[in-house]
Protein backbone atom coordinates (compact mmCIF):
# COMPACT_ATOMS: atom_id res chain seq x y z
CA MET A 1 -19.31 -5.99 16.27
CA GLN A 2 -15.69 -7.07 16.74
CA LYS A 3 -12.67 -4.98 15.90
CA LYS A 4 -10.76 -6.54 13.01
CA LEU A 5 -7.40 -5.28 11.78
CA ILE A 6 -5.36 -5.66 8.62
CA VAL A 7 -1.78 -4.49 9.10
CA ASN A 8 -0.57 -4.12 5.53
CA ALA A 9 3.10 -3.60 4.69
CA ASP A 10 3.67 -1.71 1.45
CA ASP A 11 6.51 -2.00 -1.08
CA PHE A 12 7.10 -5.77 -0.98
CA GLY A 13 9.69 -6.48 -3.68
CA LEU A 14 11.32 -3.07 -3.61
CA HIS A 15 14.47 -4.11 -1.71
CA PRO A 16 15.72 -7.27 0.06
CA LEU A 17 15.83 -5.42 3.40
CA ILE A 18 12.19 -4.43 2.97
CA ASN A 19 11.25 -7.99 2.00
CA ALA A 20 13.01 -9.37 5.07
CA GLY A 21 11.39 -6.80 7.35
CA ILE A 22 7.91 -7.61 6.08
CA VAL A 23 8.40 -11.35 6.54
CA LYS A 24 9.82 -10.87 10.04
CA GLY A 25 6.95 -8.57 10.97
CA HIS A 26 4.47 -11.21 9.82
CA LYS A 27 6.12 -14.21 11.44
CA GLU A 28 6.88 -12.52 14.74
CA GLY A 29 4.50 -9.59 14.94
CA LEU A 30 1.15 -8.12 13.93
CA ILE A 31 1.69 -7.69 10.17
CA THR A 32 -0.89 -9.76 8.31
CA SER A 33 -0.69 -8.55 4.73
CA THR A 34 1.58 -6.97 2.15
CA SER A 35 1.41 -5.31 -1.27
CA LEU A 36 3.77 -6.53 -3.97
CA MET A 37 5.38 -4.27 -6.60
CA ALA A 38 5.47 -6.15 -9.90
CA SER A 39 8.35 -4.31 -11.54
CA ALA A 40 10.49 -3.77 -8.45
CA PRO A 41 14.12 -5.04 -8.27
CA ALA A 42 13.52 -7.67 -5.55
CA PHE A 43 10.25 -8.98 -6.99
CA GLU A 44 11.39 -12.56 -7.56
CA GLU A 45 12.74 -12.86 -4.03
CA ALA A 46 9.48 -11.47 -2.63
CA VAL A 47 7.47 -14.04 -4.59
CA GLU A 48 9.55 -16.90 -3.20
CA LEU A 49 9.21 -15.57 0.35
CA ALA A 50 5.46 -15.26 -0.06
CA LYS A 51 5.17 -18.83 -1.32
CA MET A 52 7.06 -20.03 1.77
CA ASP A 53 4.48 -18.41 4.06
CA PRO A 54 0.94 -18.77 2.71
CA THR A 55 -0.56 -17.10 5.80
CA LEU A 56 0.80 -13.74 4.58
CA GLY A 57 -1.87 -12.04 2.49
CA VAL A 58 -0.42 -10.65 -0.75
CA GLY A 59 -1.95 -7.87 -2.82
CA ILE A 60 -0.73 -5.92 -5.83
CA HIS A 61 0.89 -2.52 -5.30
CA LEU A 62 0.24 -0.90 -8.68
CA THR A 63 3.12 1.43 -9.50
CA LEU A 64 3.26 4.41 -11.83
CA VAL A 65 5.55 6.63 -9.73
CA GLY A 66 8.69 6.35 -7.63
CA GLY A 67 11.40 6.44 -10.28
CA GLY A 68 11.19 2.74 -11.08
CA GLU A 69 10.92 0.98 -14.41
CA PRO A 70 7.74 -0.34 -16.04
CA ALA A 71 6.71 -3.95 -16.47
CA LEU A 72 6.16 -3.41 -20.20
CA PRO A 73 8.90 -2.49 -22.68
CA LYS A 74 9.58 1.22 -22.38
CA GLU A 75 8.67 2.01 -25.97
CA LYS A 76 5.13 0.74 -25.30
CA VAL A 77 4.51 3.07 -22.36
CA SER A 78 6.65 6.09 -23.20
CA SER A 79 3.96 8.59 -22.17
CA LEU A 80 4.21 7.30 -18.59
CA LEU A 81 7.96 7.82 -18.36
CA THR A 82 10.38 10.67 -17.86
CA ALA A 83 13.18 11.49 -20.28
CA ASP A 84 15.31 9.02 -18.29
CA GLY A 85 12.91 6.19 -19.09
CA VAL A 86 11.51 5.75 -15.58
CA PHE A 87 8.28 6.63 -13.79
CA PRO A 88 8.03 10.18 -12.37
CA LEU A 89 9.12 10.45 -8.75
CA ASP A 90 5.85 11.39 -7.09
CA TYR A 91 2.10 11.68 -7.45
CA ALA A 92 2.25 15.44 -8.07
CA ALA A 93 4.47 14.98 -11.14
CA PHE A 94 2.23 12.14 -12.34
CA ALA A 95 -0.94 14.19 -11.84
CA ARG A 96 0.48 17.11 -13.80
CA ARG A 97 1.22 14.79 -16.72
CA LEU A 98 -2.13 13.03 -16.46
CA TYR A 99 -4.33 16.11 -16.32
CA SER A 100 -2.34 17.99 -18.96
CA GLY A 101 -3.09 15.16 -21.37
CA SER A 102 0.52 13.98 -21.67
CA ILE A 103 -0.28 10.47 -20.47
CA LYS A 104 -2.01 8.14 -22.90
CA LYS A 105 -4.76 6.31 -21.04
CA LYS A 106 -4.33 3.19 -23.17
CA GLU A 107 -0.65 3.00 -22.20
CA MET A 108 -1.49 3.50 -18.53
CA GLU A 109 -4.07 0.74 -18.52
CA ALA A 110 -1.77 -1.58 -20.46
CA GLU A 111 0.97 -1.08 -17.87
CA LEU A 112 -1.43 -1.69 -14.97
CA ARG A 113 -2.67 -4.82 -16.71
CA ALA A 114 0.90 -6.06 -17.23
CA GLN A 115 1.70 -5.57 -13.55
CA ILE A 116 -1.38 -7.53 -12.47
CA GLU A 117 -0.65 -10.32 -14.92
CA LYS A 118 2.97 -10.55 -13.79
CA VAL A 119 1.93 -11.12 -10.17
CA LEU A 120 -0.75 -13.63 -11.12
CA ALA A 121 1.67 -15.47 -13.42
CA ALA A 122 4.02 -15.89 -10.47
CA GLY A 123 1.46 -18.22 -8.93
CA LEU A 124 0.33 -16.09 -6.02
CA SER A 125 -3.21 -15.91 -4.73
CA VAL A 126 -3.90 -12.18 -4.78
CA THR A 127 -5.99 -10.83 -1.90
CA HIS A 128 -6.38 -7.17 -2.87
CA ILE A 129 -5.18 -4.27 -4.95
CA ASP A 130 -3.76 -0.86 -4.00
CA SER A 131 -1.13 1.48 -5.39
CA HIS A 132 2.15 3.25 -4.73
CA GLN A 133 1.37 6.76 -3.42
CA HIS A 134 -2.35 5.88 -3.67
CA LEU A 135 -2.68 6.78 -7.34
CA HIS A 136 -5.68 4.47 -7.71
CA VAL A 137 -7.91 7.06 -6.01
CA LEU A 138 -7.22 9.73 -8.62
CA PRO A 139 -9.95 10.62 -11.11
CA GLY A 140 -8.70 9.29 -14.41
CA VAL A 141 -7.00 6.30 -12.78
CA ARG A 142 -9.64 4.77 -10.53
CA VAL A 143 -11.94 3.69 -13.37
CA SER A 144 -9.14 1.65 -14.94
CA VAL A 145 -8.15 0.10 -11.62
CA LEU A 146 -11.71 -0.90 -10.74
CA ARG A 147 -12.25 -2.35 -14.21
CA LEU A 148 -9.07 -4.41 -13.99
CA ALA A 149 -9.82 -5.60 -10.47
CA LEU A 150 -13.16 -6.93 -11.65
CA GLU A 151 -11.68 -8.44 -14.82
CA TYR A 152 -9.03 -10.35 -12.89
CA LYS A 153 -11.41 -11.26 -10.05
CA ILE A 154 -9.44 -9.39 -7.39
CA LYS A 155 -12.02 -9.04 -4.66
CA ALA A 156 -10.75 -6.28 -2.37
CA LEU A 157 -9.42 -2.75 -2.66
CA ARG A 158 -7.58 -0.39 -0.31
CA VAL A 159 -9.46 2.79 0.55
CA PRO A 160 -6.87 5.18 2.09
CA ALA A 161 -9.44 7.44 3.77
CA GLU A 162 -7.95 8.19 7.18
CA PRO A 163 -10.42 10.15 9.36
CA TYR A 164 -9.97 13.83 8.58
CA PHE A 165 -8.94 14.98 12.04
CA PHE A 166 -7.24 11.85 13.34
CA THR A 167 -3.57 12.36 14.18
CA GLY A 168 -2.92 9.54 16.64
CA GLY A 169 -0.27 11.70 18.26
CA CYS A 170 1.61 12.24 15.00
CA LYS A 171 2.97 15.76 14.69
CA ALA A 172 2.41 16.87 11.11
CA GLY A 173 2.47 20.24 9.41
CA LEU A 174 -0.50 21.89 7.78
CA GLY A 175 0.69 20.89 4.30
CA ARG A 176 0.67 17.20 5.17
CA MET A 177 -2.73 17.55 6.83
CA ILE A 178 -4.17 19.20 3.72
CA GLY A 179 -2.67 16.44 1.58
CA LYS A 180 -4.31 13.84 3.81
CA TRP A 181 -7.68 15.58 3.58
CA GLY A 182 -7.50 15.62 -0.19
CA LEU A 183 -6.54 11.95 -0.32
CA SER A 184 -9.34 10.99 2.08
CA PHE A 185 -11.90 12.91 0.02
CA TRP A 186 -11.00 11.13 -3.21
CA ALA A 187 -10.61 7.79 -1.43
CA GLU A 188 -14.22 8.00 -0.23
CA ARG A 189 -15.31 8.47 -3.84
CA VAL A 190 -13.38 5.30 -4.71
CA ARG A 191 -15.07 3.44 -1.84
CA GLU A 192 -18.49 4.32 -3.24
CA ALA A 193 -17.56 3.08 -6.70
CA ALA A 194 -15.83 -0.06 -5.42
CA LEU A 195 -18.71 -1.14 -3.20
CA GLU A 196 -21.18 -0.46 -6.00
CA ALA A 197 -19.07 -2.71 -8.24
CA GLY A 198 -19.13 -5.50 -5.65
CA LEU A 199 -15.58 -5.15 -4.33
CA LYS A 200 -14.81 -5.41 -0.62
CA CYS A 201 -13.08 -2.64 1.31
CA PRO A 202 -12.09 -2.22 4.97
CA ALA A 203 -14.41 0.24 6.68
CA HIS A 204 -11.59 2.28 8.21
CA PHE A 205 -8.00 3.25 7.36
CA PHE A 206 -5.07 4.52 9.43
CA GLY A 207 -1.38 5.22 8.91
CA MET A 208 -1.52 7.93 6.26
CA LEU A 209 -0.45 10.90 8.37
CA ALA A 210 2.26 8.83 10.05
CA GLY A 211 3.30 7.13 6.81
CA GLY A 212 6.98 6.24 6.96
CA GLN A 213 7.22 7.65 10.49
CA LEU A 214 5.33 5.09 12.58
CA ASN A 215 6.85 3.95 15.86
CA LYS A 216 5.59 1.74 18.66
CA ASN A 217 3.87 4.62 20.46
CA LEU A 218 2.03 5.87 17.38
CA ALA A 219 1.05 2.30 16.52
CA ALA A 220 -0.28 1.84 20.05
CA ASN A 221 -2.34 5.02 19.69
CA ILE A 222 -3.88 3.62 16.52
CA LEU A 223 -4.63 0.29 18.20
CA ARG A 224 -6.41 2.10 21.05
CA ALA A 225 -8.41 4.23 18.62
CA LEU A 226 -9.63 1.42 16.35
CA PRO A 227 -13.40 1.56 15.84
CA GLU A 228 -15.57 -1.51 15.56
CA GLY A 229 -15.54 -3.21 12.19
CA THR A 230 -12.55 -3.78 9.92
CA SER A 231 -9.64 -1.35 9.73
CA GLU A 232 -6.49 -1.30 7.65
CA VAL A 233 -3.26 0.19 8.95
CA MET A 234 -0.62 0.96 6.33
CA THR A 235 3.00 0.45 7.32
CA HIS A 236 6.49 0.47 5.75
CA PRO A 237 8.77 -1.91 7.66
CA GLY A 238 12.37 -2.77 6.88
CA LEU A 239 15.38 -4.27 8.61
CA ASP A 240 17.83 -1.37 8.39
CA SER A 241 16.79 2.28 8.17
CA VAL A 242 20.32 3.53 7.51
CA ALA A 243 20.97 1.16 4.61
CA LEU A 244 17.54 1.77 3.09
CA GLY A 245 17.90 5.52 3.58
CA SER A 246 21.04 5.44 1.47
CA VAL A 247 18.96 4.05 -1.43
CA PHE A 248 15.61 5.81 -1.01
CA PRO A 249 15.54 9.52 -0.10
CA TRP A 250 12.17 9.39 1.67
CA HIS A 251 13.38 9.77 5.27
CA TYR A 252 11.32 6.73 6.28
CA HIS A 253 11.85 5.05 9.65
CA TRP A 254 11.73 1.48 8.34
CA ARG A 255 13.23 -0.24 11.37
CA GLU A 256 11.04 1.70 13.81
CA GLU A 257 7.96 0.72 11.85
CA LEU A 258 8.98 -2.93 12.03
CA THR A 259 9.65 -2.62 15.75
CA ALA A 260 6.18 -1.12 16.25
CA TRP A 261 4.54 -4.37 15.14
CA LEU A 262 7.04 -6.64 16.89
CA ASP A 263 6.68 -4.81 20.21
CA PRO A 264 5.43 -7.18 22.97
CA GLU A 265 3.39 -4.39 24.59
CA ASN A 266 1.58 -3.67 21.34
CA LYS A 267 0.84 -7.35 20.84
CA LYS A 268 -0.61 -7.48 24.36
CA LEU A 269 -2.57 -4.29 23.66
CA ALA A 270 -4.14 -5.86 20.58
CA GLU A 271 -5.24 -8.81 22.72
CA LYS A 272 -6.53 -6.52 25.48
CA GLU A 273 -8.55 -4.52 22.94
CA ASN A 274 -9.95 -7.80 21.54
CA ILE A 275 -8.60 -7.01 18.07
CA GLN A 276 -8.70 -9.86 15.58
CA THR A 277 -5.91 -9.60 13.01
CA ILE A 278 -6.89 -10.66 9.49
CA SER A 279 -5.78 -10.18 5.88
CA PHE A 280 -7.74 -8.75 2.95
CA GLY A 281 -8.51 -12.33 1.95
CA GLU A 282 -10.65 -12.70 5.07
CA LEU A 283 -12.88 -9.71 4.40
C-alpha cells in the first residue's frame, strides 16, 4: 500500500497574508488542500484565489469560536455569541456554554448550515469538512456536522486523531499532551460514525501537537514517520509571522510553517519516501 499525504492548510479566508501563504505553499510546495472560513474577513479574496487554481482542494472550516462574527444575522444566533456579539475565543469557552445548556442547538445548526451554504454559493467544489479548533468532534456538535455533510453531499471529513504518543520531535508540555489525547479519543468516535455514514476519512492524522509551531525539521520528522495509507497533516502557513502576530495572539509561526512545505529538502524527502500528495477530493 502506498503512502498518500494530504497537507491541509487551515484558516483560508482569515487574513490576506494567510491566503497568500496558502496559495504560495500550494503552487511551490507540498500543500495540497485548504479549509475555508465562511464568515472570515478575507473570504471573498480566498474564493477568487481558489477559483484561479482548481488543483487546490478546498474544504469548509466550520467556525463557532475564535472571536469572529457569524454568517447569520447576530439576532438569529445570539446563544452562540458573547456579550460583544462574536464567537467565544476558544473551544473551552464554547464547551462550557454548550454543556451548560446556554447554546441553542437549533441556532448552532442553523449557523453551520449558513456557513456551508455560503461556501457552496460561491461556486466552489467542496472536497471536505472540518472545523476551527476541531469542534466537530465534540459530543453535541458531531451529529449536526455529520448530518449536514450528508445533506450537502460533502464526501470527506477530517479526523484529528494524532497517534497518542507521537511527538515527531515537538517539545510539548503535559497539558498540551493531555489535550491532544482527549481530542484523539473523541476524534476516533467521530471516525466510527463518519465511516458508518459513508463518509471518507484519512486513516492517519498529524500536526496537532505541533499546531502553529511546525518548522521544516518537524515536518521532515512527520514525513519520515508516515505510515502506509492516507494521512492528513494540518498546517497553518502565512507570509509574515510578525504582521499576523500583531492581529492574532496565538503565537503561531506562520512563516516557518510555510517554509516547511516549500523546503527543497522536504520535497526531496517526500519523493524519496515515495509519498503521493493528494487532496481530500482524491480519497
